[in-house]
Structures are given as C-alpha cells and as structure tokens.
Amino acid sequence: MFLFLVVALAVVVAAVTLAVVGGGDQAPLPEAAPERLYDPLPPDRPVTRADIDALRFPLAARGYRMSDVDDALNRLAAELAERDARIADLESALAGARTAAGRVSMEKPEQPGEDGEQ
C-alpha cells in the first residue's frame, strides 16, 4: 500500500511539472507583458484633485514601477511650481494695487456752488 502511494505521488508530481514546464514546442504559460500606467495624469489640462485621487500605480515585482511614479511626481512638481509662481504674481499685483489705492484720495472733490457760492 505504501509503495502504491509513493508511485501515485510521483505520477502526480510529474504531471504537474510537465503541465507547468511544458513538454513540447508550445509553452503553456505565455509571457506576460509588464503592467504599465494606463491612465496617466492629463497632459492637456491642469491636474485636479480628482485626477490625483483616481491615480493608481500598477504593482511591480518590488512595489511600484519607479518610472511611472517618477513621471507622476515630476508632473505634479512642475504644476505646483507653476501655481506657486502664479500665486506670487497675483500677490505682487494685489500689493501694488493696494499701494496705488492708498495714494489715491478717496474724498469727493468740491464742486463750485455746493457751499452757496456761484
């Protein structure tokens, strides 16, 4: 009985090995293409909060693909730098407008005839 179990186990192991490795010209397991980031950040418009929330990186052997993550971070860094520059320009323009408004007299000029003179 023991010999029968050993032979049966050997046959099962051999069958599984042949099924995985393949016994001829046709490979049983086709080459899998590496996963890529299919829905990157939109190149034609600014990135929104919804774009960031929807961004999912495909898994790789050791976590995430560095190139996909680097591309996304570089894009976000460029957009943040652009927004920071725009904010600085707007704050500068606002400060200039406030300074100019402080120099302008807000009082109504007197017109002849208002105080009873003609």
C-alpha atoms as a PDB file:
ATOM      1  CA  MET A   1       0.000   0.000   0.000  1.00  0.00           C
ATOM      2  CA  PHE A   2       2.830   2.359   0.888  1.00  0.00           C
ATOM      3  CA  LEU A   3       4.561   1.673  -2.410  1.00  0.00           C
ATOM      4  CA  PHE A   4       1.334   2.465  -4.292  1.00  0.00           C
ATOM      5  CA  LEU A   5       1.037   5.873  -2.534  1.00  0.00           C
ATOM      6  CA  VAL A   6       4.646   6.743  -3.349  1.00  0.00           C
ATOM      7  CA  VAL A   7       4.169   5.837  -7.017  1.00  0.00           C
ATOM      8  CA  ALA A   8       0.893   7.795  -7.178  1.00  0.00           C
ATOM      9  CA  LEU A   9       2.580  10.837  -5.594  1.00  0.00           C
ATOM     10  CA  ALA A  10       5.439  10.603  -8.099  1.00  0.00           C
ATOM     11  CA  VAL A  11       2.975  10.449 -11.003  1.00  0.00           C
ATOM     12  CA  VAL A  12       1.063  13.488  -9.710  1.00  0.00           C
ATOM     13  CA  VAL A  13       4.276  15.495  -9.210  1.00  0.00           C
ATOM     14  CA  ALA A  14       5.477  14.545 -12.699  1.00  0.00           C
ATOM     15  CA  ALA A  15       2.126  15.522 -14.255  1.00  0.00           C
ATOM     16  CA  VAL A  16       2.096  18.914 -12.525  1.00  0.00           C
ATOM     17  CA  THR A  17       5.720  19.533 -13.516  1.00  0.00           C
ATOM     18  CA  LEU A  18       5.027  18.709 -17.149  1.00  0.00           C
ATOM     19  CA  ALA A  19       1.913  20.904 -17.147  1.00  0.00           C
ATOM     20  CA  VAL A  20       3.834  23.914 -15.792  1.00  0.00           C
ATOM     21  CA  VAL A  21       7.093  23.486 -17.685  1.00  0.00           C
ATOM     22  CA  GLY A  22       5.582  22.179 -20.880  1.00  0.00           C
ATOM     23  CA  GLY A  23       6.512  19.128 -22.796  1.00  0.00           C
ATOM     24  CA  GLY A  24       6.989  20.437 -26.306  1.00  0.00           C
ATOM     25  CA  ASP A  25       7.067  23.407 -28.633  1.00  0.00           C
ATOM     26  CA  GLN A  26       4.038  25.139 -27.172  1.00  0.00           C
ATOM     27  CA  ALA A  27       4.657  26.980 -23.904  1.00  0.00           C
ATOM     28  CA  PRO A  28       1.738  26.568 -21.505  1.00  0.00           C
ATOM     29  CA  LEU A  29       2.319  29.918 -19.815  1.00  0.00           C
ATOM     30  CA  PRO A  30       2.648  32.843 -22.246  1.00  0.00           C
ATOM     31  CA  GLU A  31       4.931  35.738 -21.473  1.00  0.00           C
ATOM     32  CA  ALA A  32       3.075  38.368 -19.514  1.00  0.00           C
ATOM     33  CA  ALA A  33       3.586  41.951 -20.565  1.00  0.00           C
ATOM     34  CA  PRO A  34       4.601  44.201 -17.684  1.00  0.00           C
ATOM     35  CA  GLU A  35       1.831  46.347 -16.307  1.00  0.00           C
ATOM     36  CA  ARG A  36       2.001  49.991 -17.300  1.00  0.00           C
ATOM     37  CA  LEU A  37       0.223  53.062 -16.060  1.00  0.00           C
ATOM     38  CA  TYR A  38      -2.787  53.197 -18.398  1.00  0.00           C
ATOM     39  CA  ASP A  39      -4.461  56.335 -17.058  1.00  0.00           C
ATOM     40  CA  PRO A  40      -1.691  58.886 -16.512  1.00  0.00           C
ATOM     41  CA  LEU A  41      -2.228  62.482 -15.490  1.00  0.00           C
ATOM     42  CA  PRO A  42      -3.896  64.516 -18.269  1.00  0.00           C
ATOM     43  CA  PRO A  43      -1.336  66.305 -20.467  1.00  0.00           C
ATOM     44  CA  ASP A  44      -3.799  68.787 -21.989  1.00  0.00           C
ATOM     45  CA  ARG A  45      -5.139  70.461 -18.827  1.00  0.00           C
ATOM     46  CA  PRO A  46      -4.066  71.235 -15.259  1.00  0.00           C
ATOM     47  CA  VAL A  47      -4.171  68.401 -12.763  1.00  0.00           C
ATOM     48  CA  THR A  48      -7.161  68.422 -10.429  1.00  0.00           C
ATOM     49  CA  ARG A  49      -7.799  66.806  -7.073  1.00  0.00           C
ATOM     50  CA  ALA A  50      -9.959  64.167  -8.781  1.00  0.00           C
ATOM     51  CA  ASP A  51      -7.034  63.249 -11.077  1.00  0.00           C
ATOM     52  CA  ILE A  52      -4.806  62.654  -8.058  1.00  0.00           C
ATOM     53  CA  ASP A  53      -7.495  60.629  -6.262  1.00  0.00           C
ATOM     54  CA  ALA A  54      -8.014  58.435  -9.343  1.00  0.00           C
ATOM     55  CA  LEU A  55      -4.292  57.844  -9.946  1.00  0.00           C
ATOM     56  CA  ARG A  56      -3.356  54.208  -9.276  1.00  0.00           C
ATOM     57  CA  PHE A  57       0.053  52.765  -9.997  1.00  0.00           C
ATOM     58  CA  PRO A  58       0.339  49.162 -11.213  1.00  0.00           C
ATOM     59  CA  LEU A  59       2.238  46.801  -8.969  1.00  0.00           C
ATOM     60  CA  ALA A  60       5.668  45.563  -9.968  1.00  0.00           C
ATOM     61  CA  ALA A  61       7.984  42.944  -8.500  1.00  0.00           C
ATOM     62  CA  ARG A  62       9.217  45.205  -5.686  1.00  0.00           C
ATOM     63  CA  GLY A  63       6.298  47.578  -5.242  1.00  0.00           C
ATOM     64  CA  TYR A  64       5.597  50.144  -7.964  1.00  0.00           C
ATOM     65  CA  ARG A  65       7.358  50.900 -11.240  1.00  0.00           C
ATOM     66  CA  MET A  66       9.808  53.693 -10.499  1.00  0.00           C
ATOM     67  CA  SER A  67       9.413  55.268 -13.935  1.00  0.00           C
ATOM     68  CA  ASP A  68       5.627  55.631 -13.518  1.00  0.00           C
ATOM     69  CA  VAL A  69       5.966  57.134 -10.052  1.00  0.00           C
ATOM     70  CA  ASP A  70       8.799  59.447 -11.157  1.00  0.00           C
ATOM     71  CA  ASP A  71       6.773  60.682 -14.142  1.00  0.00           C
ATOM     72  CA  ALA A  72       3.748  61.433 -11.962  1.00  0.00           C
ATOM     73  CA  LEU A  73       5.836  63.195  -9.297  1.00  0.00           C
ATOM     74  CA  ASN A  74       7.699  65.265 -11.901  1.00  0.00           C
ATOM     75  CA  ARG A  75       4.392  66.355 -13.438  1.00  0.00           C
ATOM     76  CA  LEU A  76       2.973  67.292 -10.029  1.00  0.00           C
ATOM     77  CA  ALA A  77       6.153  69.183  -9.103  1.00  0.00           C
ATOM     78  CA  ALA A  78       6.019  71.193 -12.336  1.00  0.00           C
ATOM     79  CA  GLU A  79       2.358  72.067 -11.794  1.00  0.00           C
ATOM     80  CA  LEU A  80       2.978  73.087  -8.178  1.00  0.00           C
ATOM     81  CA  ALA A  81       5.905  75.298  -9.227  1.00  0.00           C
ATOM     82  CA  GLU A  82       3.725  76.901 -11.905  1.00  0.00           C
ATOM     83  CA  ARG A  83       0.926  77.523  -9.407  1.00  0.00           C
ATOM     84  CA  ASP A  84       3.351  78.947  -6.838  1.00  0.00           C
ATOM     85  CA  ALA A  85       4.698  81.366  -9.450  1.00  0.00           C
ATOM     86  CA  ARG A  86       1.153  82.379 -10.404  1.00  0.00           C
ATOM     87  CA  ILE A  87       0.229  82.949  -6.744  1.00  0.00           C
ATOM     88  CA  ALA A  88       3.359  85.065  -6.243  1.00  0.00           C
ATOM     89  CA  ASP A  89       2.479  87.158  -9.325  1.00  0.00           C
ATOM     90  CA  LEU A  90      -1.089  87.679  -8.121  1.00  0.00           C
ATOM     91  CA  GLU A  91       0.039  88.607  -4.600  1.00  0.00           C
ATOM     92  CA  SER A  92       2.518  91.086  -6.051  1.00  0.00           C
ATOM     93  CA  ALA A  93      -0.178  92.629  -8.247  1.00  0.00           C
ATOM     94  CA  LEU A  94      -2.535  92.837  -5.261  1.00  0.00           C
ATOM     95  CA  ALA A  95       0.112  94.553  -3.139  1.00  0.00           C
ATOM     96  CA  GLY A  96       0.764  97.032  -5.965  1.00  0.00           C
ATOM     97  CA  ALA A  97      -2.958  97.720  -6.319  1.00  0.00           C
ATOM     98  CA  ARG A  98      -3.313  98.305  -2.568  1.00  0.00           C
ATOM     99  CA  THR A  99      -0.352 100.699  -2.596  1.00  0.00           C
ATOM    100  CA  ALA A 100      -1.800 102.603  -5.548  1.00  0.00           C
ATOM    101  CA  ALA A 101      -5.219 102.738  -3.890  1.00  0.00           C
ATOM    102  CA  GLY A 102      -3.679 104.182  -0.719  1.00  0.00           C
ATOM    103  CA  ARG A 103      -2.231 107.089  -2.682  1.00  0.00           C
ATOM    104  CA  VAL A 104      -5.479 107.982  -4.397  1.00  0.00           C
ATOM    105  CA  SER A 105      -7.666 110.364  -2.423  1.00  0.00           C
ATOM    106  CA  MET A 106     -10.988 108.815  -1.652  1.00  0.00           C
ATOM    107  CA  GLU A 107     -12.645 112.178  -0.848  1.00  0.00           C
ATOM    108  CA  LYS A 108     -15.102 113.740  -3.248  1.00  0.00           C
ATOM    109  CA  PRO A 109     -13.669 116.887  -4.854  1.00  0.00           C
ATOM    110  CA  GLU A 110     -15.540 120.095  -4.126  1.00  0.00           C
ATOM    111  CA  GLN A 111     -17.544 121.477  -6.996  1.00  0.00           C
ATOM    112  CA  PRO A 112     -18.340 125.165  -7.318  1.00  0.00           C
ATOM    113  CA  GLY A 113     -21.732 126.148  -5.976  1.00  0.00           C
ATOM    114  CA  GLU A 114     -22.086 123.468  -3.348  1.00  0.00           C
ATOM    115  CA  ASP A 115     -21.411 125.737  -0.390  1.00  0.00           C
ATOM    116  CA  GLY A 116     -23.686 128.521  -1.636  1.00  0.00           C
ATOM    117  CA  GLU A 117     -21.169 130.331  -3.847  1.00  0.00           C
ATOM    118  CA  GLN A 118     -21.657 130.908  -7.500  1.00  0.00           C
END
